Amino acid sequence: MKKLFSILTVFLLSFITFTQAQNYQANLLKEMVVISNNKMTTRAYTMITFSNGSTVQIKSYAEAPSQGVISRDNFVSIFTLVTTRMYIEMAKVDENAVIAGLDEIIGNADLEINCYIAKSGVQIESVSSQGTTRNTIKWEDMFK
Protein backbone atom coordinates (compact mmCIF):
# COMPACT_ATOMS: atom_id res chain seq x y z
CA MET A 1 0.00 0.00 0.00
CA LYS A 2 2.84 2.40 0.88
CA LYS A 3 4.55 1.58 -2.39
CA LEU A 4 1.38 2.29 -4.38
CA PHE A 5 0.91 5.59 -2.54
CA SER A 6 4.54 6.56 -3.26
CA ILE A 7 4.17 5.70 -6.94
CA LEU A 8 0.93 7.69 -7.21
CA THR A 9 2.52 10.67 -5.42
CA VAL A 10 5.53 10.64 -7.76
CA PHE A 11 3.24 10.34 -10.79
CA LEU A 12 1.03 13.21 -9.59
CA LEU A 13 4.01 15.48 -8.87
CA SER A 14 5.52 14.64 -12.26
CA PHE A 15 2.25 15.46 -14.01
CA ILE A 16 1.88 18.78 -12.16
CA THR A 17 5.49 19.73 -12.94
CA PHE A 18 5.01 18.81 -16.61
CA THR A 19 1.78 20.84 -16.83
CA GLN A 20 3.39 23.89 -15.20
CA ALA A 21 6.38 23.61 -17.54
CA GLN A 22 4.03 23.57 -20.53
CA ASN A 23 2.22 26.71 -19.27
CA TYR A 24 5.55 28.44 -18.67
CA GLN A 25 6.81 27.47 -22.11
CA ALA A 26 3.60 28.79 -23.72
CA ASN A 27 4.15 32.12 -21.95
CA LEU A 28 7.75 32.26 -23.15
CA LEU A 29 6.71 31.59 -26.74
CA LYS A 30 3.91 34.18 -26.66
CA GLU A 31 4.75 37.20 -28.81
CA MET A 32 4.87 40.34 -26.64
CA VAL A 33 5.33 42.93 -29.37
CA VAL A 34 3.05 43.48 -32.35
CA ILE A 35 4.39 45.47 -35.28
CA SER A 36 1.71 47.08 -37.44
CA ASN A 37 1.27 50.41 -39.23
CA ASN A 38 4.92 51.35 -38.52
CA LYS A 39 4.36 50.99 -34.75
CA MET A 40 5.44 48.53 -32.10
CA THR A 41 2.77 47.91 -29.48
CA THR A 42 2.46 45.70 -26.45
CA ARG A 43 -0.18 45.09 -23.79
CA ALA A 44 -0.26 43.47 -20.36
CA TYR A 45 -3.07 42.80 -17.90
CA THR A 46 -2.41 42.58 -14.18
CA MET A 47 -4.42 42.18 -11.00
CA ILE A 48 -3.27 43.21 -7.54
CA THR A 49 -5.13 41.49 -4.72
CA PHE A 50 -4.84 43.14 -1.32
CA SER A 51 -5.04 41.32 2.00
CA ASN A 52 -8.54 42.72 2.66
CA GLY A 53 -9.77 40.98 -0.51
CA SER A 54 -10.08 44.07 -2.69
CA THR A 55 -8.56 43.97 -6.14
CA VAL A 56 -7.25 46.40 -8.73
CA GLN A 57 -7.09 45.40 -12.39
CA ILE A 58 -4.51 47.21 -14.48
CA LYS A 59 -4.40 47.40 -18.26
CA SER A 60 -0.95 48.43 -19.50
CA TYR A 61 -0.11 49.51 -23.05
CA ALA A 62 2.95 50.86 -24.83
CA GLU A 63 3.69 52.05 -28.32
CA ALA A 64 6.70 53.30 -30.23
CA PRO A 65 7.69 53.80 -33.86
CA SER A 66 8.86 50.48 -35.28
CA GLN A 67 12.01 51.97 -36.80
CA GLY A 68 14.58 54.61 -36.01
CA VAL A 69 13.69 55.41 -32.39
CA ILE A 70 14.18 52.38 -30.14
CA SER A 71 15.05 48.74 -30.57
CA ARG A 72 12.46 46.07 -29.90
CA ASP A 73 14.45 44.80 -26.89
CA ASN A 74 14.72 48.25 -25.32
CA PHE A 75 11.03 48.86 -26.02
CA VAL A 76 10.14 45.73 -24.03
CA SER A 77 12.64 46.69 -21.29
CA ILE A 78 11.21 50.17 -20.82
CA PHE A 79 7.62 48.87 -20.83
CA THR A 80 8.48 46.20 -18.27
CA LEU A 81 10.40 48.65 -16.09
CA VAL A 82 7.62 51.25 -16.08
CA THR A 83 4.77 48.84 -15.41
CA THR A 84 6.60 46.75 -12.81
CA ARG A 85 7.66 49.88 -10.92
CA MET A 86 4.05 51.13 -10.84
CA TYR A 87 2.72 47.74 -9.68
CA ILE A 88 5.28 47.60 -6.88
CA GLU A 89 4.46 51.15 -5.77
CA MET A 90 0.75 50.31 -5.62
CA ALA A 91 1.40 47.09 -3.69
CA LYS A 92 3.56 48.88 -1.09
CA VAL A 93 0.38 49.93 0.73
CA ASP A 94 -0.12 46.30 1.74
CA GLU A 95 2.87 44.04 2.34
CA ASN A 96 0.66 40.98 1.73
CA ALA A 97 -0.59 42.18 -1.66
CA VAL A 98 -0.29 39.67 -4.49
CA ILE A 99 0.51 40.77 -8.03
CA ALA A 100 -0.58 38.36 -10.76
CA GLY A 101 -0.81 38.49 -14.53
CA LEU A 102 -4.13 38.09 -16.31
CA ASP A 103 -4.86 36.79 -19.81
CA GLU A 104 -7.40 39.60 -20.17
CA ILE A 105 -9.20 42.17 -18.06
CA ILE A 106 -12.34 40.90 -16.34
CA GLY A 107 -14.96 43.57 -16.97
CA ASN A 108 -13.35 47.02 -16.79
CA ALA A 109 -9.84 48.00 -15.76
CA ASP A 110 -9.50 50.09 -12.60
CA LEU A 111 -6.31 51.67 -13.92
CA GLU A 112 -4.78 52.07 -17.37
CA ILE A 113 -1.08 52.73 -17.79
CA ASN A 114 -0.06 53.95 -21.24
CA CYS A 115 3.56 54.43 -22.26
CA TYR A 116 4.25 56.38 -25.44
CA ILE A 117 7.83 56.26 -26.68
CA ALA A 118 8.89 58.81 -29.29
CA LYS A 119 12.02 60.25 -30.86
CA SER A 120 12.19 63.00 -28.22
CA GLY A 121 11.35 60.98 -25.10
CA VAL A 122 8.71 59.05 -23.19
CA GLN A 123 5.26 59.96 -21.88
CA ILE A 124 3.62 57.84 -19.19
CA GLU A 125 -0.12 58.30 -18.83
CA SER A 126 -2.23 56.95 -15.95
CA VAL A 127 -6.00 56.84 -16.43
CA SER A 128 -8.38 55.99 -13.58
CA SER A 129 -11.75 57.05 -12.24
CA GLN A 130 -9.91 59.89 -10.49
CA GLY A 131 -8.70 61.36 -13.77
CA THR A 132 -5.74 61.30 -16.10
CA THR A 133 -2.15 62.05 -15.18
CA ARG A 134 0.65 62.44 -17.70
CA ASN A 135 4.38 62.62 -17.07
CA THR A 136 6.74 63.36 -19.94
CA ILE A 137 10.51 63.07 -19.88
CA LYS A 138 12.99 63.83 -22.66
CA TRP A 139 15.70 61.26 -23.41
CA GLU A 140 18.52 63.59 -22.42
CA ASP A 141 16.89 64.18 -19.02
CA MET A 142 16.29 60.49 -18.43
CA PHE A 143 19.97 59.59 -18.33
CA LYS A 144 21.27 62.45 -16.19
C-alpha atoms as a PDB file:
ATOM      1  CA  MET A   1       0.000   0.000   0.000  1.00  0.00           C
ATOM      2  CA  LYS A   2       2.837   2.399   0.883  1.00  0.00           C
ATOM      3  CA  LYS A   3       4.550   1.577  -2.386  1.00  0.00           C
ATOM      4  CA  LEU A   4       1.378   2.294  -4.378  1.00  0.00           C
ATOM      5  CA  PHE A   5       0.907   5.594  -2.542  1.00  0.00           C
ATOM      6  CA  SER A   6       4.536   6.560  -3.263  1.00  0.00           C
ATOM      7  CA  ILE A   7       4.167   5.700  -6.943  1.00  0.00           C
ATOM      8  CA  LEU A   8       0.929   7.688  -7.211  1.00  0.00           C
ATOM      9  CA  THR A   9       2.518  10.665  -5.424  1.00  0.00           C
ATOM     10  CA  VAL A  10       5.534  10.642  -7.760  1.00  0.00           C
ATOM     11  CA  PHE A  11       3.241  10.341 -10.791  1.00  0.00           C
ATOM     12  CA  LEU A  12       1.030  13.207  -9.592  1.00  0.00           C
ATOM     13  CA  LEU A  13       4.014  15.475  -8.868  1.00  0.00           C
ATOM     14  CA  SER A  14       5.523  14.644 -12.257  1.00  0.00           C
ATOM     15  CA  PHE A  15       2.249  15.455 -14.008  1.00  0.00           C
ATOM     16  CA  ILE A  16       1.879  18.784 -12.156  1.00  0.00           C
ATOM     17  CA  THR A  17       5.486  19.734 -12.942  1.00  0.00           C
ATOM     18  CA  PHE A  18       5.006  18.813 -16.612  1.00  0.00           C
ATOM     19  CA  THR A  19       1.777  20.844 -16.832  1.00  0.00           C
ATOM     20  CA  GLN A  20       3.386  23.888 -15.196  1.00  0.00           C
ATOM     21  CA  ALA A  21       6.376  23.615 -17.541  1.00  0.00           C
ATOM     22  CA  GLN A  22       4.027  23.574 -20.532  1.00  0.00           C
ATOM     23  CA  ASN A  23       2.224  26.712 -19.269  1.00  0.00           C
ATOM     24  CA  TYR A  24       5.554  28.436 -18.666  1.00  0.00           C
ATOM     25  CA  GLN A  25       6.806  27.465 -22.113  1.00  0.00           C
ATOM     26  CA  ALA A  26       3.602  28.790 -23.722  1.00  0.00           C
ATOM     27  CA  ASN A  27       4.146  32.121 -21.955  1.00  0.00           C
ATOM     28  CA  LEU A  28       7.753  32.255 -23.153  1.00  0.00           C
ATOM     29  CA  LEU A  29       6.708  31.593 -26.744  1.00  0.00           C
ATOM     30  CA  LYS A  30       3.910  34.179 -26.658  1.00  0.00           C
ATOM     31  CA  GLU A  31       4.751  37.203 -28.807  1.00  0.00           C
ATOM     32  CA  MET A  32       4.871  40.344 -26.638  1.00  0.00           C
ATOM     33  CA  VAL A  33       5.330  42.932 -29.368  1.00  0.00           C
ATOM     34  CA  VAL A  34       3.054  43.483 -32.346  1.00  0.00           C
ATOM     35  CA  ILE A  35       4.390  45.471 -35.284  1.00  0.00           C
ATOM     36  CA  SER A  36       1.708  47.076 -37.437  1.00  0.00           C
ATOM     37  CA  ASN A  37       1.266  50.406 -39.228  1.00  0.00           C
ATOM     38  CA  ASN A  38       4.915  51.355 -38.522  1.00  0.00           C
ATOM     39  CA  LYS A  39       4.360  50.985 -34.745  1.00  0.00           C
ATOM     40  CA  MET A  40       5.443  48.531 -32.101  1.00  0.00           C
ATOM     41  CA  THR A  41       2.772  47.907 -29.484  1.00  0.00           C
ATOM     42  CA  THR A  42       2.465  45.696 -26.448  1.00  0.00           C
ATOM     43  CA  ARG A  43      -0.175  45.090 -23.789  1.00  0.00           C
ATOM     44  CA  ALA A  44      -0.264  43.473 -20.363  1.00  0.00           C
ATOM     45  CA  TYR A  45      -3.065  42.801 -17.904  1.00  0.00           C
ATOM     46  CA  THR A  46      -2.415  42.577 -14.179  1.00  0.00           C
ATOM     47  CA  MET A  47      -4.419  42.184 -10.997  1.00  0.00           C
ATOM     48  CA  ILE A  48      -3.273  43.209  -7.544  1.00  0.00           C
ATOM     49  CA  THR A  49      -5.131  41.490  -4.716  1.00  0.00           C
ATOM     50  CA  PHE A  50      -4.838  43.140  -1.318  1.00  0.00           C
ATOM     51  CA  SER A  51      -5.044  41.317   2.002  1.00  0.00           C
ATOM     52  CA  ASN A  52      -8.541  42.717   2.659  1.00  0.00           C
ATOM     53  CA  GLY A  53      -9.766  40.978  -0.513  1.00  0.00           C
ATOM     54  CA  SER A  54     -10.083  44.074  -2.690  1.00  0.00           C
ATOM     55  CA  THR A  55      -8.562  43.974  -6.143  1.00  0.00           C
ATOM     56  CA  VAL A  56      -7.254  46.396  -8.730  1.00  0.00           C
ATOM     57  CA  GLN A  57      -7.092  45.404 -12.387  1.00  0.00           C
ATOM     58  CA  ILE A  58      -4.513  47.209 -14.482  1.00  0.00           C
ATOM     59  CA  LYS A  59      -4.399  47.403 -18.259  1.00  0.00           C
ATOM     60  CA  SER A  60      -0.948  48.425 -19.504  1.00  0.00           C
ATOM     61  CA  TYR A  61      -0.114  49.508 -23.049  1.00  0.00           C
ATOM     62  CA  ALA A  62       2.947  50.861 -24.827  1.00  0.00           C
ATOM     63  CA  GLU A  63       3.688  52.052 -28.323  1.00  0.00           C
ATOM     64  CA  ALA A  64       6.704  53.301 -30.232  1.00  0.00           C
ATOM     65  CA  PRO A  65       7.695  53.796 -33.864  1.00  0.00           C
ATOM     66  CA  SER A  66       8.864  50.481 -35.282  1.00  0.00           C
ATOM     67  CA  GLN A  67      12.011  51.973 -36.802  1.00  0.00           C
ATOM     68  CA  GLY A  68      14.580  54.606 -36.008  1.00  0.00           C
ATOM     69  CA  VAL A  69      13.695  55.409 -32.386  1.00  0.00           C
ATOM     70  CA  ILE A  70      14.181  52.385 -30.139  1.00  0.00           C
ATOM     71  CA  SER A  71      15.055  48.744 -30.573  1.00  0.00           C
ATOM     72  CA  ARG A  72      12.462  46.074 -29.902  1.00  0.00           C
ATOM     73  CA  ASP A  73      14.448  44.797 -26.890  1.00  0.00           C
ATOM     74  CA  ASN A  74      14.720  48.247 -25.322  1.00  0.00           C
ATOM     75  CA  PHE A  75      11.033  48.857 -26.020  1.00  0.00           C
ATOM     76  CA  VAL A  76      10.141  45.734 -24.029  1.00  0.00           C
ATOM     77  CA  SER A  77      12.645  46.686 -21.295  1.00  0.00           C
ATOM     78  CA  ILE A  78      11.209  50.172 -20.821  1.00  0.00           C
ATOM     79  CA  PHE A  79       7.622  48.871 -20.833  1.00  0.00           C
ATOM     80  CA  THR A  80       8.484  46.199 -18.271  1.00  0.00           C
ATOM     81  CA  LEU A  81      10.404  48.646 -16.086  1.00  0.00           C
ATOM     82  CA  VAL A  82       7.623  51.251 -16.080  1.00  0.00           C
ATOM     83  CA  THR A  83       4.773  48.836 -15.413  1.00  0.00           C
ATOM     84  CA  THR A  84       6.600  46.749 -12.810  1.00  0.00           C
ATOM     85  CA  ARG A  85       7.660  49.879 -10.924  1.00  0.00           C
ATOM     86  CA  MET A  86       4.053  51.127 -10.840  1.00  0.00           C
ATOM     87  CA  TYR A  87       2.725  47.737  -9.678  1.00  0.00           C
ATOM     88  CA  ILE A  88       5.278  47.604  -6.879  1.00  0.00           C
ATOM     89  CA  GLU A  89       4.459  51.154  -5.770  1.00  0.00           C
ATOM     90  CA  MET A  90       0.748  50.308  -5.618  1.00  0.00           C
ATOM     91  CA  ALA A  91       1.396  47.087  -3.693  1.00  0.00           C
ATOM     92  CA  LYS A  92       3.560  48.884  -1.095  1.00  0.00           C
ATOM     93  CA  VAL A  93       0.378  49.930   0.728  1.00  0.00           C
ATOM     94  CA  ASP A  94      -0.116  46.305   1.740  1.00  0.00           C
ATOM     95  CA  GLU A  95       2.865  44.036   2.338  1.00  0.00           C
ATOM     96  CA  ASN A  96       0.660  40.975   1.728  1.00  0.00           C
ATOM     97  CA  ALA A  97      -0.591  42.177  -1.662  1.00  0.00           C
ATOM     98  CA  VAL A  98      -0.294  39.670  -4.487  1.00  0.00           C
ATOM     99  CA  ILE A  99       0.513  40.771  -8.034  1.00  0.00           C
ATOM    100  CA  ALA A 100      -0.579  38.363 -10.762  1.00  0.00           C
ATOM    101  CA  GLY A 101      -0.813  38.492 -14.527  1.00  0.00           C
ATOM    102  CA  LEU A 102      -4.134  38.086 -16.307  1.00  0.00           C
ATOM    103  CA  ASP A 103      -4.858  36.790 -19.811  1.00  0.00           C
ATOM    104  CA  GLU A 104      -7.396  39.598 -20.174  1.00  0.00           C
ATOM    105  CA  ILE A 105      -9.200  42.168 -18.056  1.00  0.00           C
ATOM    106  CA  ILE A 106     -12.336  40.900 -16.337  1.00  0.00           C
ATOM    107  CA  GLY A 107     -14.958  43.572 -16.967  1.00  0.00           C
ATOM    108  CA  ASN A 108     -13.354  47.024 -16.788  1.00  0.00           C
ATOM    109  CA  ALA A 109      -9.843  48.004 -15.762  1.00  0.00           C
ATOM    110  CA  ASP A 110      -9.502  50.091 -12.599  1.00  0.00           C
ATOM    111  CA  LEU A 111      -6.309  51.668 -13.918  1.00  0.00           C
ATOM    112  CA  GLU A 112      -4.784  52.071 -17.370  1.00  0.00           C
ATOM    113  CA  ILE A 113      -1.084  52.728 -17.788  1.00  0.00           C
ATOM    114  CA  ASN A 114      -0.060  53.950 -21.238  1.00  0.00           C
ATOM    115  CA  CYS A 115       3.556  54.425 -22.260  1.00  0.00           C
ATOM    116  CA  TYR A 116       4.249  56.383 -25.441  1.00  0.00           C
ATOM    117  CA  ILE A 117       7.826  56.261 -26.683  1.00  0.00           C
ATOM    118  CA  ALA A 118       8.886  58.811 -29.288  1.00  0.00           C
ATOM    119  CA  LYS A 119      12.022  60.253 -30.856  1.00  0.00           C
ATOM    120  CA  SER A 120      12.191  63.000 -28.216  1.00  0.00           C
ATOM    121  CA  GLY A 121      11.347  60.981 -25.097  1.00  0.00           C
ATOM    122  CA  VAL A 122       8.709  59.047 -23.191  1.00  0.00           C
ATOM    123  CA  GLN A 123       5.264  59.961 -21.879  1.00  0.00           C
ATOM    124  CA  ILE A 124       3.625  57.844 -19.189  1.00  0.00           C
ATOM    125  CA  GLU A 125      -0.119  58.299 -18.826  1.00  0.00           C
ATOM    126  CA  SER A 126      -2.233  56.946 -15.947  1.00  0.00           C
ATOM    127  CA  VAL A 127      -5.999  56.840 -16.434  1.00  0.00           C
ATOM    128  CA  SER A 128      -8.376  55.992 -13.579  1.00  0.00           C
ATOM    129  CA  SER A 129     -11.753  57.051 -12.239  1.00  0.00           C
ATOM    130  CA  GLN A 130      -9.908  59.893 -10.490  1.00  0.00           C
ATOM    131  CA  GLY A 131      -8.702  61.360 -13.767  1.00  0.00           C
ATOM    132  CA  THR A 132      -5.737  61.296 -16.099  1.00  0.00           C
ATOM    133  CA  THR A 133      -2.146  62.052 -15.175  1.00  0.00           C
ATOM    134  CA  ARG A 134       0.651  62.440 -17.703  1.00  0.00           C
ATOM    135  CA  ASN A 135       4.384  62.620 -17.065  1.00  0.00           C
ATOM    136  CA  THR A 136       6.741  63.356 -19.938  1.00  0.00           C
ATOM    137  CA  ILE A 137      10.506  63.071 -19.879  1.00  0.00           C
ATOM    138  CA  LYS A 138      12.991  63.826 -22.661  1.00  0.00           C
ATOM    139  CA  TRP A 139      15.696  61.262 -23.413  1.00  0.00           C
ATOM    140  CA  GLU A 140      18.521  63.592 -22.422  1.00  0.00           C
ATOM    141  CA  ASP A 141      16.893  64.175 -19.016  1.00  0.00           C
ATOM    142  CA  MET A 142      16.292  60.485 -18.432  1.00  0.00           C
ATOM    143  CA  PHE A 143      19.970  59.586 -18.332  1.00  0.00           C
ATOM    144  CA  LYS A 144      21.265  62.452 -16.190  1.00  0.00           C
END
